[in-house]
Amino acid sequence: KNFVFDIYGTLVDIKTDEQSSRFKRRFSAYFNKH
């Protein structure tokens, strides 16, 4: 009667990279502006 799900890798396909230089450069520019 009850179904409990994990999210990532089960329901949702996702890819993130918080260590990439491109991400850090883009986010730093946004953060410093705001």
All heavy atoms as atom14 arrays in JSON, in Angstrom:
{
  "sequence": "KNFVFDIYGTLVDIKTDEQSSRFKRRFSAYFNKH",
  "atom14_mask": [
    [1, 1, 1, 1, 1, 1, 1, 1, 1, 0, 0, 0, 0, 0],
    [1, 1, 1, 1, 1, 1, 1, 1, 0, 0, 0, 0, 0, 0],
    [1, 1, 1, 1, 1, 1, 1, 1, 1, 1, 1, 0, 0, 0],
    [1, 1, 1, 1, 1, 1, 1, 0, 0, 0, 0, 0, 0, 0],
    [1, 1, 1, 1, 1, 1, 1, 1, 1, 1, 1, 0, 0, 0],
    [1, 1, 1, 1, 1, 1, 1, 1, 0, 0, 0, 0, 0, 0],
    [1, 1, 1, 1, 1, 1, 1, 1, 0, 0, 0, 0, 0, 0],
    [1, 1, 1, 1, 1, 1, 1, 1, 1, 1, 1, 1, 0, 0],
    [1, 1, 1, 1, 0, 0, 0, 0, 0, 0, 0, 0, 0, 0],
    [1, 1, 1, 1, 1, 1, 1, 0, 0, 0, 0, 0, 0, 0],
    [1, 1, 1, 1, 1, 1, 1, 1, 0, 0, 0, 0, 0, 0],
    [1, 1, 1, 1, 1, 1, 1, 0, 0, 0, 0, 0, 0, 0],
    [1, 1, 1, 1, 1, 1, 1, 1, 0, 0, 0, 0, 0, 0],
    [1, 1, 1, 1, 1, 1, 1, 1, 0, 0, 0, 0, 0, 0],
    [1, 1, 1, 1, 1, 1, 1, 1, 1, 0, 0, 0, 0, 0],
    [1, 1, 1, 1, 1, 1, 1, 0, 0, 0, 0, 0, 0, 0],
    [1, 1, 1, 1, 1, 1, 1, 1, 0, 0, 0, 0, 0, 0],
    [1, 1, 1, 1, 1, 1, 1, 1, 1, 0, 0, 0, 0, 0],
    [1, 1, 1, 1, 1, 1, 1, 1, 1, 0, 0, 0, 0, 0],
    [1, 1, 1, 1, 1, 1, 0, 0, 0, 0, 0, 0, 0, 0],
    [1, 1, 1, 1, 1, 1, 0, 0, 0, 0, 0, 0, 0, 0],
    [1, 1, 1, 1, 1, 1, 1, 1, 1, 1, 1, 0, 0, 0],
    [1, 1, 1, 1, 1, 1, 1, 1, 1, 1, 1, 0, 0, 0],
    [1, 1, 1, 1, 1, 1, 1, 1, 1, 0, 0, 0, 0, 0],
    [1, 1, 1, 1, 1, 1, 1, 1, 1, 1, 1, 0, 0, 0],
    [1, 1, 1, 1, 1, 1, 1, 1, 1, 1, 1, 0, 0, 0],
    [1, 1, 1, 1, 1, 1, 1, 1, 1, 1, 1, 0, 0, 0],
    [1, 1, 1, 1, 1, 1, 0, 0, 0, 0, 0, 0, 0, 0],
    [1, 1, 1, 1, 1, 0, 0, 0, 0, 0, 0, 0, 0, 0],
    [1, 1, 1, 1, 1, 1, 1, 1, 1, 1, 1, 1, 0, 0],
    [1, 1, 1, 1, 1, 1, 1, 1, 1, 1, 1, 0, 0, 0],
    [1, 1, 1, 1, 1, 1, 1, 1, 0, 0, 0, 0, 0, 0],
    [1, 1, 1, 1, 1, 1, 1, 1, 1, 0, 0, 0, 0, 0],
    [1, 1, 1, 1, 1, 1, 1, 1, 1, 1, 0, 0, 0, 0]
  ],
  "atom14_positions": [
    [[0.81, -1.22, 0.0], [0.0, 0.0, 0.0], [0.84, 1.26, 0.0], [0.38, 2.32, -0.42], [-0.91, 0.01, 1.23], [-1.96, -1.09, 1.26], [-2.82, -0.95, 2.49], [-3.9, -2.04, 2.54], [-4.75, -1.92, 3.76], [0.0, 0.0, 0.0], [0.0, 0.0, 0.0], [0.0, 0.0, 0.0], [0.0, 0.0, 0.0], [0.0, 0.0, 0.0]],
    [[2.09, 1.16, 0.49], [2.94, 2.34, 0.64], [4.24, 2.14, -0.12], [4.92, 1.12, 0.04], [3.26, 2.57, 2.12], [2.01, 2.57, 2.98], [1.06, 3.3, 2.71], [2.0, 1.74, 4.02], [0.0, 0.0, 0.0], [0.0, 0.0, 0.0], [0.0, 0.0, 0.0], [0.0, 0.0, 0.0], [0.0, 0.0, 0.0], [0.0, 0.0, 0.0]],
    [[4.6, 3.12, -0.93], [5.8, 3.04, -1.74], [6.69, 4.24, -1.44], [6.27, 5.39, -1.63], [5.44, 3.0, -3.22], [4.58, 1.82, -3.59], [3.2, 1.89, -3.48], [5.15, 0.63, -4.01], [2.4, 0.81, -3.79], [4.36, -0.47, -4.33], [2.98, -0.38, -4.22], [0.0, 0.0, 0.0], [0.0, 0.0, 0.0], [0.0, 0.0, 0.0]],
    [[7.89, 3.97, -0.95], [8.83, 5.03, -0.57], [10.0, 5.0, -1.53], [10.65, 3.97, -1.7], [9.32, 4.85, 0.88], [10.13, 6.07, 1.31], [8.14, 4.62, 1.83], [0.0, 0.0, 0.0], [0.0, 0.0, 0.0], [0.0, 0.0, 0.0], [0.0, 0.0, 0.0], [0.0, 0.0, 0.0], [0.0, 0.0, 0.0], [0.0, 0.0, 0.0]],
    [[10.27, 6.13, -2.16], [11.28, 6.2, -3.22], [12.48, 7.06, -2.84], [12.34, 8.1, -2.19], [10.67, 6.8, -4.49], [9.69, 5.93, -5.21], [8.36, 5.93, -4.84], [10.11, 5.11, -6.25], [7.43, 5.14, -5.51], [9.19, 4.31, -6.93], [7.85, 4.32, -6.56], [0.0, 0.0, 0.0], [0.0, 0.0, 0.0], [0.0, 0.0, 0.0]],
    [[13.63, 6.62, -3.3], [14.82, 7.46, -3.39], [14.59, 8.4, -4.58], [13.73, 8.15, -5.42], [16.04, 6.56, -3.62], [17.28, 7.33, -3.99], [17.65, 8.25, -3.24], [17.88, 7.02, -5.04], [0.0, 0.0, 0.0], [0.0, 0.0, 0.0], [0.0, 0.0, 0.0], [0.0, 0.0, 0.0], [0.0, 0.0, 0.0], [0.0, 0.0, 0.0]],
    [[15.37, 9.47, -4.67], [15.2, 10.39, -5.8], [16.25, 10.17, -6.89], [15.97, 9.63, -7.96], [15.26, 11.87, -5.34], [14.19, 12.17, -4.31], [15.1, 12.79, -6.56], [14.27, 13.58, -3.74], [0.0, 0.0, 0.0], [0.0, 0.0, 0.0], [0.0, 0.0, 0.0], [0.0, 0.0, 0.0], [0.0, 0.0, 0.0], [0.0, 0.0, 0.0]],
    [[17.48, 10.6, -6.6], [18.51, 10.65, -7.63], [19.06, 9.26, -7.93], [19.52, 8.54, -7.05], [19.63, 11.6, -7.22], [19.11, 12.99, -6.94], [19.11, 13.52, -5.64], [18.58, 13.78, -7.97], [18.62, 14.8, -5.39], [18.09, 15.04, -7.72], [18.1, 15.55, -6.43], [17.6, 16.81, -6.18], [0.0, 0.0, 0.0], [0.0, 0.0, 0.0]],
    [[18.98, 8.89, -9.21], [19.41, 7.55, -9.62], [18.26, 6.56, -9.63], [18.39, 5.47, -10.15], [0.0, 0.0, 0.0], [0.0, 0.0, 0.0], [0.0, 0.0, 0.0], [0.0, 0.0, 0.0], [0.0, 0.0, 0.0], [0.0, 0.0, 0.0], [0.0, 0.0, 0.0], [0.0, 0.0, 0.0], [0.0, 0.0, 0.0], [0.0, 0.0, 0.0]],
    [[17.13, 6.95, -9.04], [15.94, 6.09, -8.99], [14.81, 6.71, -9.8], [14.27, 6.09, -10.71], [15.5, 5.87, -7.54], [16.56, 5.26, -6.81], [14.27, 4.98, -7.47], [0.0, 0.0, 0.0], [0.0, 0.0, 0.0], [0.0, 0.0, 0.0], [0.0, 0.0, 0.0], [0.0, 0.0, 0.0], [0.0, 0.0, 0.0], [0.0, 0.0, 0.0]],
    [[14.44, 7.92, -9.45], [13.42, 8.66, -10.19], [14.03, 9.64, -11.19], [13.49, 9.86, -12.28], [12.53, 9.45, -9.23], [11.8, 8.68, -8.13], [11.08, 9.67, -7.2], [10.83, 7.67, -8.71], [0.0, 0.0, 0.0], [0.0, 0.0, 0.0], [0.0, 0.0, 0.0], [0.0, 0.0, 0.0], [0.0, 0.0, 0.0], [0.0, 0.0, 0.0]],
    [[15.14, 10.22, -10.78], [15.72, 11.35, -11.51], [17.18, 11.11, -11.88], [17.98, 10.67, -11.05], [15.62, 12.64, -10.66], [16.33, 13.81, -11.34], [14.16, 12.98, -10.38], [0.0, 0.0, 0.0], [0.0, 0.0, 0.0], [0.0, 0.0, 0.0], [0.0, 0.0, 0.0], [0.0, 0.0, 0.0], [0.0, 0.0, 0.0], [0.0, 0.0, 0.0]],
    [[17.49, 11.41, -13.13], [18.87, 11.35, -13.63], [19.45, 12.76, -13.53], [18.88, 13.72, -14.05], [18.86, 10.88, -15.08], [20.26, 10.67, -15.63], [21.23, 10.69, -14.86], [20.37, 10.47, -16.86], [0.0, 0.0, 0.0], [0.0, 0.0, 0.0], [0.0, 0.0, 0.0], [0.0, 0.0, 0.0], [0.0, 0.0, 0.0], [0.0, 0.0, 0.0]],
    [[20.57, 12.88, -12.84], [21.17, 14.19, -12.63], [22.69, 14.12, -12.74], [23.29, 13.07, -12.5], [20.79, 14.74, -11.23], [21.17, 16.22, -11.08], [21.42, 13.9, -10.13], [20.61, 16.87, -9.83], [0.0, 0.0, 0.0], [0.0, 0.0, 0.0], [0.0, 0.0, 0.0], [0.0, 0.0, 0.0], [0.0, 0.0, 0.0], [0.0, 0.0, 0.0]],
    [[23.28, 15.22, -13.14], [24.74, 15.33, -13.14], [25.12, 16.71, -12.64], [24.65, 17.73, -13.17], [25.33, 15.11, -14.54], [26.86, 15.13, -14.56], [27.4, 14.84, -15.93], [28.93, 14.84, -15.92], [29.49, 14.55, -17.27], [0.0, 0.0, 0.0], [0.0, 0.0, 0.0], [0.0, 0.0, 0.0], [0.0, 0.0, 0.0], [0.0, 0.0, 0.0]],
    [[25.93, 16.75, -11.58], [26.42, 18.01, -11.05], [27.94, 17.92, -10.84], [28.47, 16.82, -10.68], [25.77, 18.38, -9.71], [26.11, 17.38, -8.74], [24.25, 18.46, -9.84], [0.0, 0.0, 0.0], [0.0, 0.0, 0.0], [0.0, 0.0, 0.0], [0.0, 0.0, 0.0], [0.0, 0.0, 0.0], [0.0, 0.0, 0.0], [0.0, 0.0, 0.0]],
    [[28.57, 19.06, -10.84], [30.02, 19.1, -10.58], [30.35, 20.42, -9.9], [30.46, 21.45, -10.54], [30.81, 18.94, -11.87], [32.31, 18.82, -11.64], [32.75, 18.98, -10.47], [33.05, 18.58, -12.6], [0.0, 0.0, 0.0], [0.0, 0.0, 0.0], [0.0, 0.0, 0.0], [0.0, 0.0, 0.0], [0.0, 0.0, 0.0], [0.0, 0.0, 0.0]],
    [[30.49, 20.36, -8.58], [30.79, 21.56, -7.8], [32.28, 21.88, -7.77], [32.68, 22.89, -7.2], [30.27, 21.4, -6.38], [28.76, 21.27, -6.3], [28.26, 21.09, -4.89], [29.1, 21.11, -3.96], [27.04, 20.93, -4.69], [0.0, 0.0, 0.0], [0.0, 0.0, 0.0], [0.0, 0.0, 0.0], [0.0, 0.0, 0.0], [0.0, 0.0, 0.0]],
    [[33.09, 21.0, -8.37], [34.53, 21.21, -8.34], [35.08, 21.76, -9.66], [36.25, 22.12, -9.73], [35.24, 19.89, -8.02], [34.85, 19.29, -6.67], [35.29, 20.14, -5.5], [36.24, 20.92, -5.61], [34.61, 20.0, -4.37], [0.0, 0.0, 0.0], [0.0, 0.0, 0.0], [0.0, 0.0, 0.0], [0.0, 0.0, 0.0], [0.0, 0.0, 0.0]],
    [[34.26, 21.82, -10.69], [34.77, 22.25, -11.99], [35.14, 23.73, -11.97], [34.46, 24.56, -11.35], [33.74, 21.99, -13.09], [32.71, 22.95, -13.06], [0.0, 0.0, 0.0], [0.0, 0.0, 0.0], [0.0, 0.0, 0.0], [0.0, 0.0, 0.0], [0.0, 0.0, 0.0], [0.0, 0.0, 0.0], [0.0, 0.0, 0.0], [0.0, 0.0, 0.0]],
    [[36.21, 24.05, -12.67], [36.68, 25.44, -12.72], [35.66, 26.33, -13.43], [35.49, 27.5, -13.07], [38.04, 25.51, -13.42], [37.96, 24.96, -14.72], [0.0, 0.0, 0.0], [0.0, 0.0, 0.0], [0.0, 0.0, 0.0], [0.0, 0.0, 0.0], [0.0, 0.0, 0.0], [0.0, 0.0, 0.0], [0.0, 0.0, 0.0], [0.0, 0.0, 0.0]],
    [[34.98, 25.78, -14.42], [33.97, 26.57, -15.16], [32.83, 26.96, -14.24], [32.38, 28.11, -14.25], [33.44, 25.76, -16.34], [32.4, 26.52, -17.19], [32.06, 25.72, -18.44], [31.12, 26.44, -19.29], [29.8, 26.35, -19.2], [29.26, 25.55, -18.27], [29.02, 27.04, -20.01], [0.0, 0.0, 0.0], [0.0, 0.0, 0.0], [0.0, 0.0, 0.0]],
    [[32.36, 26.0, -13.46], [31.28, 26.3, -12.52], [31.72, 27.35, -11.51], [31.01, 28.33, -11.25], [30.83, 25.04, -11.79], [30.13, 25.32, -10.48], [28.92, 25.99, -10.45], [30.71, 24.95, -9.27], [28.28, 26.28, -9.25], [30.08, 25.23, -8.06], [28.86, 25.9, -8.05], [0.0, 0.0, 0.0], [0.0, 0.0, 0.0], [0.0, 0.0, 0.0]],
    [[32.89, 27.17, -10.92], [33.37, 28.11, -9.91], [33.53, 29.51, -10.48], [33.21, 30.51, -9.82], [34.68, 27.61, -9.31], [34.53, 26.37, -8.45], [35.88, 25.94, -7.87], [35.72, 24.73, -6.98], [37.02, 24.27, -6.42], [0.0, 0.0, 0.0], [0.0, 0.0, 0.0], [0.0, 0.0, 0.0], [0.0, 0.0, 0.0], [0.0, 0.0, 0.0]],
    [[34.0, 29.58, -11.7], [34.2, 30.88, -12.34], [32.85, 31.57, -12.57], [32.68, 32.76, -12.27], [34.95, 30.69, -13.66], [35.29, 31.98, -14.38], [36.21, 31.73, -15.57], [35.59, 30.85, -16.56], [35.94, 29.59, -16.77], [36.9, 29.04, -16.05], [35.34, 28.86, -17.7], [0.0, 0.0, 0.0], [0.0, 0.0, 0.0], [0.0, 0.0, 0.0]],
    [[31.89, 30.82, -13.11], [30.57, 31.39, -13.4], [29.84, 31.78, -12.12], [29.22, 32.85, -12.05], [29.75, 30.4, -14.21], [30.27, 30.14, -15.61], [29.43, 29.08, -16.3], [28.09, 29.57, -16.59], [27.05, 28.77, -16.88], [27.21, 27.46, -16.88], [25.87, 29.29, -17.14], [0.0, 0.0, 0.0], [0.0, 0.0, 0.0], [0.0, 0.0, 0.0]],
    [[29.9, 30.92, -11.11], [29.17, 31.24, -9.88], [29.82, 32.41, -9.15], [29.13, 33.26, -8.61], [29.1, 30.03, -8.95], [28.34, 30.33, -7.7], [26.96, 30.37, -7.69], [29.01, 30.66, -6.52], [26.25, 30.69, -6.54], [28.32, 30.97, -5.37], [26.93, 31.0, -5.38], [0.0, 0.0, 0.0], [0.0, 0.0, 0.0], [0.0, 0.0, 0.0]],
    [[31.15, 32.45, -9.14], [31.85, 33.55, -8.47], [31.48, 34.89, -9.1], [31.28, 35.89, -8.4], [33.36, 33.34, -8.54], [33.75, 32.23, -7.75], [0.0, 0.0, 0.0], [0.0, 0.0, 0.0], [0.0, 0.0, 0.0], [0.0, 0.0, 0.0], [0.0, 0.0, 0.0], [0.0, 0.0, 0.0], [0.0, 0.0, 0.0], [0.0, 0.0, 0.0]],
    [[31.37, 34.9, -10.43], [30.99, 36.13, -11.12], [29.57, 36.55, -10.71], [29.32, 37.74, -10.44], [31.06, 35.93, -12.63], [0.0, 0.0, 0.0], [0.0, 0.0, 0.0], [0.0, 0.0, 0.0], [0.0, 0.0, 0.0], [0.0, 0.0, 0.0], [0.0, 0.0, 0.0], [0.0, 0.0, 0.0], [0.0, 0.0, 0.0], [0.0, 0.0, 0.0]],
    [[28.68, 35.58, -10.62], [27.31, 35.87, -10.2], [27.28, 36.35, -8.75], [26.65, 37.36, -8.42], [26.45, 34.61, -10.35], [25.1, 34.73, -9.67], [24.02, 35.33, -10.31], [24.91, 34.24, -8.37], [22.8, 35.46, -9.68], [23.69, 34.36, -7.73], [22.64, 34.97, -8.39], [21.43, 35.1, -7.77], [0.0, 0.0, 0.0], [0.0, 0.0, 0.0]],
    [[27.97, 35.65, -7.89], [27.96, 35.98, -6.46], [28.54, 37.36, -6.21], [27.98, 38.16, -5.45], [28.75, 34.93, -5.69], [28.81, 35.18, -4.2], [27.75, 34.86, -3.39], [29.94, 35.77, -3.63], [27.79, 35.1, -2.02], [30.0, 36.01, -2.27], [28.92, 35.68, -1.47], [0.0, 0.0, 0.0], [0.0, 0.0, 0.0], [0.0, 0.0, 0.0]],
    [[29.67, 37.66, -6.85], [30.32, 38.95, -6.63], [29.47, 40.12, -7.15], [29.54, 41.23, -6.62], [31.69, 38.96, -7.31], [32.67, 38.01, -6.64], [32.53, 37.68, -5.46], [33.64, 37.53, -7.4], [0.0, 0.0, 0.0], [0.0, 0.0, 0.0], [0.0, 0.0, 0.0], [0.0, 0.0, 0.0], [0.0, 0.0, 0.0], [0.0, 0.0, 0.0]],
    [[28.67, 39.84, -8.16], [27.78, 40.87, -8.71], [26.63, 41.16, -7.77], [26.17, 42.31, -7.66], [27.26, 40.43, -10.07], [26.34, 41.45, -10.75], [25.89, 40.95, -12.11], [24.97, 41.94, -12.78], [24.51, 41.47, -14.12], [0.0, 0.0, 0.0], [0.0, 0.0, 0.0], [0.0, 0.0, 0.0], [0.0, 0.0, 0.0], [0.0, 0.0, 0.0]],
    [[26.15, 40.13, -7.09], [24.95, 40.27, -6.25], [25.26, 40.42, -4.76], [24.38, 40.72, -3.97], [24.02, 39.07, -6.45], [23.38, 39.05, -7.79], [24.02, 38.61, -8.93], [22.13, 39.44, -8.2], [23.2, 38.71, -9.97], [22.06, 39.22, -9.55], [0.0, 0.0, 0.0], [0.0, 0.0, 0.0], [0.0, 0.0, 0.0], [0.0, 0.0, 0.0]]
  ]
}
